[in-house]
Amino acid sequence: MPSGQFYILDKPEFSFTCDYHLDSVAEREFESRMLLEIQKENQPVEVFTPLSIGQPLVFVSPSGEAKNLFLISETATHFIFSSRA
């Protein structure tokens, strides 16, 4: 998975080094799905503490594209967001 520096749109002071993956659906009219994995260690993950599974946040990618992503999983080491709930 490639990694990049993402930040939260309405909280640009919170930026994260994330691994991300794009799943594309060949020959379909569906938009590609983005998965974003944020490792908890050494990052300001306290911003995610009040979130529940299914809640959205708008992240801005290194290219400047804003994308609405949903918290789909939390493990002991990662927060995982997806562009589809």
Protein backbone atom coordinates (compact mmCIF):
# COMPACT_ATOMS: atom_id res chain seq x y z
CA MET A 1 0.00 0.00 0.00
CA PRO A 2 1.30 3.46 -0.77
CA SER A 3 1.41 5.99 2.02
CA GLY A 4 0.91 9.75 2.14
CA GLN A 5 0.27 12.71 4.39
CA PHE A 6 -3.46 13.36 4.86
CA TYR A 7 -5.23 15.90 7.07
CA ILE A 8 -8.78 16.48 8.29
CA LEU A 9 -10.53 19.23 6.29
CA ASP A 10 -12.00 21.19 9.21
CA LYS A 11 -8.98 20.48 11.47
CA PRO A 12 -5.88 21.00 9.29
CA GLU A 13 -3.68 21.01 12.39
CA PHE A 14 -4.30 17.23 12.54
CA SER A 15 -2.28 15.56 9.81
CA PHE A 16 -1.47 11.89 9.53
CA THR A 17 0.85 9.61 7.65
CA CYS A 18 -1.54 7.01 6.24
CA ASP A 19 -1.41 3.88 4.14
CA TYR A 20 -4.12 3.97 1.48
CA HIS A 21 -5.53 1.77 -1.22
CA LEU A 22 -7.93 2.41 -4.09
CA ASP A 23 -10.25 -0.42 -5.16
CA SER A 24 -11.60 0.16 -8.62
CA VAL A 25 -14.57 -1.60 -10.09
CA ALA A 26 -13.84 -2.49 -13.71
CA GLU A 27 -16.62 -1.87 -16.21
CA ARG A 28 -18.98 -0.53 -13.55
CA GLU A 29 -20.42 2.90 -12.97
CA PHE A 30 -19.42 2.83 -9.31
CA GLU A 31 -16.82 5.19 -7.93
CA SER A 32 -13.58 3.60 -6.73
CA ARG A 33 -13.40 2.90 -3.03
CA MET A 34 -10.58 4.36 -0.98
CA LEU A 35 -9.32 2.63 2.17
CA LEU A 36 -7.22 4.69 4.56
CA GLU A 37 -5.30 3.05 7.41
CA ILE A 38 -3.95 5.31 10.16
CA GLN A 39 -1.45 3.74 12.51
CA LYS A 40 -2.08 4.94 16.07
CA GLU A 41 1.55 5.03 17.17
CA ASN A 42 3.23 8.47 17.16
CA GLN A 43 0.27 10.31 15.59
CA PRO A 44 -2.39 12.71 16.95
CA VAL A 45 -5.18 10.11 16.95
CA GLU A 46 -7.02 11.68 19.90
CA VAL A 47 -9.20 13.45 17.32
CA PHE A 48 -10.75 10.05 16.50
CA THR A 49 -11.60 9.13 20.11
CA PRO A 50 -15.19 10.49 20.01
CA LEU A 51 -15.99 8.73 16.71
CA SER A 52 -18.16 5.63 16.42
CA ILE A 53 -18.10 3.09 13.62
CA GLY A 54 -19.89 4.54 10.58
CA GLN A 55 -19.21 8.20 11.37
CA PRO A 56 -17.72 10.27 8.53
CA LEU A 57 -14.76 12.64 8.39
CA VAL A 58 -13.51 14.61 5.40
CA PHE A 59 -9.84 13.93 4.71
CA VAL A 60 -7.65 15.86 2.28
CA SER A 61 -5.16 13.82 0.28
CA PRO A 62 -1.60 14.85 -0.61
CA SER A 63 -2.93 15.97 -4.02
CA GLY A 64 -5.45 18.30 -2.33
CA GLU A 65 -8.56 16.20 -3.05
CA ALA A 66 -11.13 16.21 -0.23
CA LYS A 67 -12.88 12.89 0.33
CA ASN A 68 -15.62 11.89 2.76
CA LEU A 69 -14.47 8.73 4.55
CA PHE A 70 -16.27 6.62 7.16
CA LEU A 71 -14.69 4.96 10.18
CA ILE A 72 -15.19 1.25 9.46
CA SER A 73 -12.85 -0.36 11.99
CA GLU A 74 -10.63 0.32 14.97
CA THR A 75 -7.97 -2.15 16.06
CA ALA A 76 -5.38 -1.92 18.80
CA THR A 77 -2.94 -0.39 16.30
CA HIS A 78 -5.01 1.28 13.54
CA PHE A 79 -8.05 3.33 12.61
CA ILE A 80 -9.43 2.25 9.23
CA PHE A 81 -11.60 4.53 7.09
CA SER A 82 -13.39 3.80 3.82
CA SER A 83 -15.10 5.99 1.26
CA ARG A 84 -18.07 3.61 1.49
CA ALA A 85 -19.76 2.89 4.81
